[in-house]
Amino acid sequence: YFRDPNFSQALTEEQYGVFYDYKVSWFMPCVEAEGYGFDTEIPTRGIYVTNENPFVLWDPFLDITRPYRVVESSEEGQALQRVCPRNPPDAALWPS
C-alpha cells in the first residue's frame, strides 16, 4: 500500500485553523446537543494555530463529561464519534 502524501507532511497553520473552527463551530455544539458537557477552557484561535503541538494544547474530546469523562475507546465514546466525528473531513483539510 502506498501512503497518502497528505499524511506525511506537517500540517500548516491554515489546516490547524480548520481543526479549530470545526471543533468550536461544529463538534462542540454537536456533542452538547447529544447531552454532554465540557470541562475545558477554549484557547484563542491564534494561540491554537501557532502552538507547537495544538492537539496536545487542546482537544475538546478529552474533556467531554456527562457528568463523568467519556472514554474514547468505550462503546459510548465510539457511538458519540459516529454522531459527532472528532475531526473534520479530509476534504476540508486537503481540498482538491
N, C-alpha and C. Protein backbone atom coordinates (compact mmCIF):
# COMPACT_ATOMS: atom_id res chain seq x y z
N TYR A 1 0.84 -1.18 0.00
CA TYR A 1 0.00 0.00 0.00
C TYR A 1 0.88 1.24 0.00
N PHE A 2 0.45 2.24 -0.72
CA PHE A 2 1.17 3.49 -0.75
C PHE A 2 0.56 4.45 0.26
N ARG A 3 1.42 5.16 0.94
CA ARG A 3 0.97 6.13 1.93
C ARG A 3 0.50 7.40 1.21
N ASP A 4 -0.65 7.91 1.63
CA ASP A 4 -1.15 9.15 1.07
C ASP A 4 -0.17 10.27 1.41
N PRO A 5 0.34 11.00 0.42
CA PRO A 5 1.32 12.05 0.70
C PRO A 5 0.79 13.15 1.62
N ASN A 6 -0.53 13.34 1.68
CA ASN A 6 -1.08 14.33 2.60
C ASN A 6 -0.73 14.03 4.05
N PHE A 7 -0.62 12.75 4.39
CA PHE A 7 -0.40 12.37 5.77
C PHE A 7 1.07 12.31 6.15
N SER A 8 1.97 12.56 5.20
CA SER A 8 3.40 12.52 5.50
C SER A 8 3.98 13.92 5.65
N GLN A 9 3.15 14.93 5.55
CA GLN A 9 3.60 16.31 5.69
C GLN A 9 3.02 16.93 6.96
N ALA A 10 3.78 17.83 7.54
CA ALA A 10 3.28 18.55 8.71
C ALA A 10 2.09 19.42 8.29
N LEU A 11 1.15 19.58 9.20
CA LEU A 11 0.00 20.44 8.92
C LEU A 11 0.44 21.90 8.96
N THR A 12 -0.24 22.71 8.19
CA THR A 12 0.03 24.15 8.15
C THR A 12 -0.84 24.85 9.19
N GLU A 13 -0.53 26.12 9.45
CA GLU A 13 -1.37 26.90 10.37
C GLU A 13 -2.80 26.99 9.82
N GLU A 14 -2.93 27.06 8.49
CA GLU A 14 -4.26 27.12 7.89
C GLU A 14 -5.03 25.83 8.20
N GLN A 15 -4.37 24.69 8.12
CA GLN A 15 -5.04 23.42 8.42
C GLN A 15 -5.37 23.31 9.91
N TYR A 16 -4.48 23.79 10.78
CA TYR A 16 -4.81 23.81 12.20
C TYR A 16 -6.01 24.71 12.44
N GLY A 17 -6.13 25.78 11.66
CA GLY A 17 -7.30 26.65 11.75
C GLY A 17 -8.58 25.93 11.38
N VAL A 18 -8.50 25.03 10.40
CA VAL A 18 -9.66 24.23 10.02
C VAL A 18 -10.07 23.34 11.19
N PHE A 19 -9.08 22.70 11.85
CA PHE A 19 -9.38 21.88 13.02
C PHE A 19 -10.05 22.72 14.10
N TYR A 20 -9.49 23.89 14.39
CA TYR A 20 -10.03 24.75 15.45
C TYR A 20 -11.47 25.16 15.13
N ASP A 21 -11.68 25.66 13.92
CA ASP A 21 -13.02 26.11 13.54
C ASP A 21 -14.03 24.97 13.60
N TYR A 22 -13.63 23.80 13.15
CA TYR A 22 -14.51 22.63 13.18
C TYR A 22 -14.88 22.28 14.62
N LYS A 23 -13.88 22.24 15.50
CA LYS A 23 -14.14 21.84 16.88
C LYS A 23 -15.05 22.83 17.60
N VAL A 24 -14.81 24.12 17.38
CA VAL A 24 -15.59 25.16 18.05
C VAL A 24 -16.98 25.33 17.43
N SER A 25 -17.05 25.32 16.11
CA SER A 25 -18.30 25.63 15.42
C SER A 25 -19.19 24.42 15.16
N TRP A 26 -18.61 23.21 15.10
CA TRP A 26 -19.44 22.05 14.76
C TRP A 26 -19.35 20.95 15.81
N PHE A 27 -18.15 20.51 16.15
CA PHE A 27 -18.00 19.38 17.06
C PHE A 27 -18.60 19.66 18.44
N MET A 28 -18.20 20.75 19.06
CA MET A 28 -18.67 21.02 20.42
C MET A 28 -20.19 21.22 20.47
N PRO A 29 -20.80 22.00 19.56
CA PRO A 29 -22.26 22.10 19.58
C PRO A 29 -22.96 20.76 19.34
N CYS A 30 -22.39 19.92 18.48
CA CYS A 30 -22.97 18.59 18.21
C CYS A 30 -22.96 17.75 19.48
N VAL A 31 -21.82 17.75 20.17
CA VAL A 31 -21.69 16.97 21.41
C VAL A 31 -22.65 17.49 22.47
N GLU A 32 -22.77 18.80 22.59
CA GLU A 32 -23.69 19.38 23.56
C GLU A 32 -25.13 19.03 23.22
N ALA A 33 -25.47 18.97 21.94
CA ALA A 33 -26.82 18.59 21.52
C ALA A 33 -27.12 17.13 21.88
N GLU A 34 -26.09 16.32 22.04
CA GLU A 34 -26.25 14.93 22.45
C GLU A 34 -26.35 14.78 23.97
N GLY A 35 -26.31 15.91 24.69
CA GLY A 35 -26.49 15.88 26.14
C GLY A 35 -25.22 15.83 26.96
N TYR A 36 -24.10 16.08 26.35
CA TYR A 36 -22.83 16.08 27.06
C TYR A 36 -22.39 17.51 27.33
N GLY A 37 -21.43 17.67 28.21
CA GLY A 37 -20.86 18.97 28.51
C GLY A 37 -19.36 18.92 28.39
N PHE A 38 -18.75 20.06 28.59
CA PHE A 38 -17.29 20.16 28.51
C PHE A 38 -16.75 20.80 29.77
N ASP A 39 -15.61 20.32 30.18
CA ASP A 39 -14.90 20.86 31.33
C ASP A 39 -13.55 21.35 30.82
N THR A 40 -13.60 22.41 30.01
CA THR A 40 -12.39 22.88 29.36
C THR A 40 -12.44 24.37 29.13
N GLU A 41 -11.27 24.95 29.01
CA GLU A 41 -11.16 26.34 28.62
C GLU A 41 -10.67 26.34 27.17
N ILE A 42 -11.38 27.04 26.31
CA ILE A 42 -11.04 27.06 24.90
C ILE A 42 -9.97 28.11 24.65
N PRO A 43 -8.84 27.71 24.06
CA PRO A 43 -7.81 28.71 23.74
C PRO A 43 -8.29 29.59 22.58
N THR A 44 -7.64 30.72 22.39
CA THR A 44 -7.98 31.54 21.23
C THR A 44 -7.50 30.83 19.98
N ARG A 45 -8.10 31.18 18.87
CA ARG A 45 -7.70 30.57 17.60
C ARG A 45 -6.22 30.84 17.31
N GLY A 46 -5.78 32.07 17.57
CA GLY A 46 -4.38 32.44 17.32
C GLY A 46 -3.40 31.60 18.13
N ILE A 47 -3.70 31.39 19.39
CA ILE A 47 -2.83 30.56 20.24
C ILE A 47 -2.84 29.12 19.74
N TYR A 48 -4.01 28.62 19.36
CA TYR A 48 -4.12 27.24 18.91
C TYR A 48 -3.31 26.99 17.64
N VAL A 49 -3.50 27.82 16.62
CA VAL A 49 -2.87 27.55 15.33
C VAL A 49 -1.36 27.78 15.34
N THR A 50 -0.86 28.59 16.27
CA THR A 50 0.58 28.85 16.31
C THR A 50 1.30 28.00 17.35
N ASN A 51 0.58 27.19 18.11
CA ASN A 51 1.19 26.34 19.11
C ASN A 51 2.02 25.25 18.45
N GLU A 52 3.10 24.86 19.10
CA GLU A 52 3.97 23.81 18.56
C GLU A 52 3.23 22.50 18.37
N ASN A 53 2.32 22.18 19.29
CA ASN A 53 1.52 20.97 19.17
C ASN A 53 0.09 21.28 19.64
N PRO A 54 -0.73 21.84 18.74
CA PRO A 54 -2.07 22.25 19.16
C PRO A 54 -2.95 21.11 19.66
N PHE A 55 -2.71 19.88 19.18
CA PHE A 55 -3.54 18.76 19.62
C PHE A 55 -3.28 18.39 21.08
N VAL A 56 -2.09 18.71 21.57
CA VAL A 56 -1.78 18.50 22.98
C VAL A 56 -2.30 19.69 23.79
N LEU A 57 -2.22 20.87 23.22
CA LEU A 57 -2.70 22.09 23.89
C LEU A 57 -4.17 21.98 24.24
N TRP A 58 -4.97 21.50 23.26
CA TRP A 58 -6.42 21.47 23.49
C TRP A 58 -7.08 20.46 22.56
N ASP A 59 -7.83 19.55 23.15
CA ASP A 59 -8.63 18.60 22.40
C ASP A 59 -9.93 18.43 23.17
N PRO A 60 -11.02 19.07 22.70
CA PRO A 60 -12.26 19.03 23.48
C PRO A 60 -12.80 17.62 23.70
N PHE A 61 -12.46 16.67 22.83
CA PHE A 61 -12.96 15.31 23.05
C PHE A 61 -12.50 14.78 24.40
N LEU A 62 -11.30 15.14 24.81
CA LEU A 62 -10.76 14.65 26.08
C LEU A 62 -11.44 15.26 27.29
N ASP A 63 -12.26 16.28 27.06
CA ASP A 63 -12.93 16.97 28.17
C ASP A 63 -14.44 16.78 28.19
N ILE A 64 -14.95 15.81 27.42
CA ILE A 64 -16.40 15.57 27.40
C ILE A 64 -16.82 14.93 28.72
N THR A 65 -17.88 15.47 29.29
CA THR A 65 -18.41 14.95 30.55
C THR A 65 -19.91 14.74 30.45
N ARG A 66 -20.40 13.82 31.29
CA ARG A 66 -21.86 13.56 31.34
C ARG A 66 -22.22 12.81 32.60
N PRO A 67 -22.07 13.09 33.75
CA PRO A 67 -21.18 14.07 34.37
C PRO A 67 -19.76 13.54 34.52
N TYR A 68 -19.49 12.33 34.07
CA TYR A 68 -18.16 11.74 34.14
C TYR A 68 -17.48 11.85 32.78
N ARG A 69 -16.20 11.62 32.74
CA ARG A 69 -15.44 11.67 31.49
C ARG A 69 -15.82 10.51 30.59
N VAL A 70 -15.93 10.78 29.30
CA VAL A 70 -16.22 9.75 28.31
C VAL A 70 -14.89 9.17 27.84
N VAL A 71 -14.78 7.86 27.83
CA VAL A 71 -13.56 7.19 27.36
C VAL A 71 -13.70 6.97 25.86
N GLU A 72 -12.70 7.44 25.11
CA GLU A 72 -12.76 7.39 23.65
C GLU A 72 -13.01 5.98 23.12
N SER A 73 -12.36 4.99 23.70
CA SER A 73 -12.46 3.63 23.18
C SER A 73 -13.69 2.87 23.70
N SER A 74 -14.45 3.47 24.61
CA SER A 74 -15.63 2.80 25.14
C SER A 74 -16.74 2.77 24.08
N GLU A 75 -17.73 1.93 24.30
CA GLU A 75 -18.87 1.87 23.40
C GLU A 75 -19.55 3.23 23.30
N GLU A 76 -19.69 3.89 24.44
CA GLU A 76 -20.30 5.23 24.46
C GLU A 76 -19.47 6.23 23.65
N GLY A 77 -18.16 6.19 23.84
CA GLY A 77 -17.28 7.10 23.12
C GLY A 77 -17.31 6.86 21.62
N GLN A 78 -17.33 5.60 21.22
CA GLN A 78 -17.39 5.26 19.80
C GLN A 78 -18.73 5.68 19.19
N ALA A 79 -19.82 5.47 19.91
CA ALA A 79 -21.14 5.87 19.43
C ALA A 79 -21.21 7.39 19.25
N LEU A 80 -20.65 8.11 20.20
CA LEU A 80 -20.65 9.57 20.11
C LEU A 80 -19.85 10.04 18.91
N GLN A 81 -18.73 9.39 18.63
CA GLN A 81 -17.90 9.79 17.48
C GLN A 81 -18.58 9.48 16.14
N ARG A 82 -19.48 8.51 16.12
CA ARG A 82 -20.23 8.25 14.88
C ARG A 82 -21.21 9.40 14.61
N VAL A 83 -21.79 9.95 15.66
CA VAL A 83 -22.74 11.06 15.51
C VAL A 83 -22.00 12.39 15.34
N CYS A 84 -20.95 12.57 16.12
CA CYS A 84 -20.19 13.82 16.12
C CYS A 84 -18.71 13.48 15.87
N PRO A 85 -18.31 13.33 14.61
CA PRO A 85 -16.92 12.96 14.34
C PRO A 85 -15.95 13.94 14.99
N ARG A 86 -14.90 13.38 15.55
CA ARG A 86 -13.92 14.16 16.31
C ARG A 86 -13.12 15.12 15.43
N ASN A 87 -12.90 14.74 14.18
CA ASN A 87 -12.08 15.55 13.28
C ASN A 87 -12.86 15.96 12.04
N PRO A 88 -12.44 17.07 11.42
CA PRO A 88 -13.11 17.50 10.20
C PRO A 88 -12.84 16.51 9.07
N PRO A 89 -13.66 16.52 8.04
CA PRO A 89 -13.42 15.62 6.91
C PRO A 89 -12.10 15.96 6.21
N ASP A 90 -11.46 14.94 5.65
CA ASP A 90 -10.19 15.14 4.95
C ASP A 90 -10.31 16.20 3.86
N ALA A 91 -11.44 16.26 3.18
CA ALA A 91 -11.63 17.22 2.09
C ALA A 91 -11.53 18.66 2.60
N ALA A 92 -11.85 18.90 3.85
CA ALA A 92 -11.73 20.24 4.41
C ALA A 92 -10.26 20.61 4.66
N LEU A 93 -9.45 19.59 4.95
CA LEU A 93 -8.03 19.82 5.22
C LEU A 93 -7.19 19.85 3.95
N TRP A 94 -7.56 19.03 2.99
CA TRP A 94 -6.81 18.93 1.73
C TRP A 94 -7.78 19.07 0.56
N PRO A 95 -8.28 20.29 0.32
CA PRO A 95 -9.22 20.48 -0.79
C PRO A 95 -8.55 20.15 -2.13
N SER A 96 -9.32 19.65 -3.04
CA SER A 96 -8.77 19.27 -4.35
C SER A 96 -8.37 20.47 -5.17
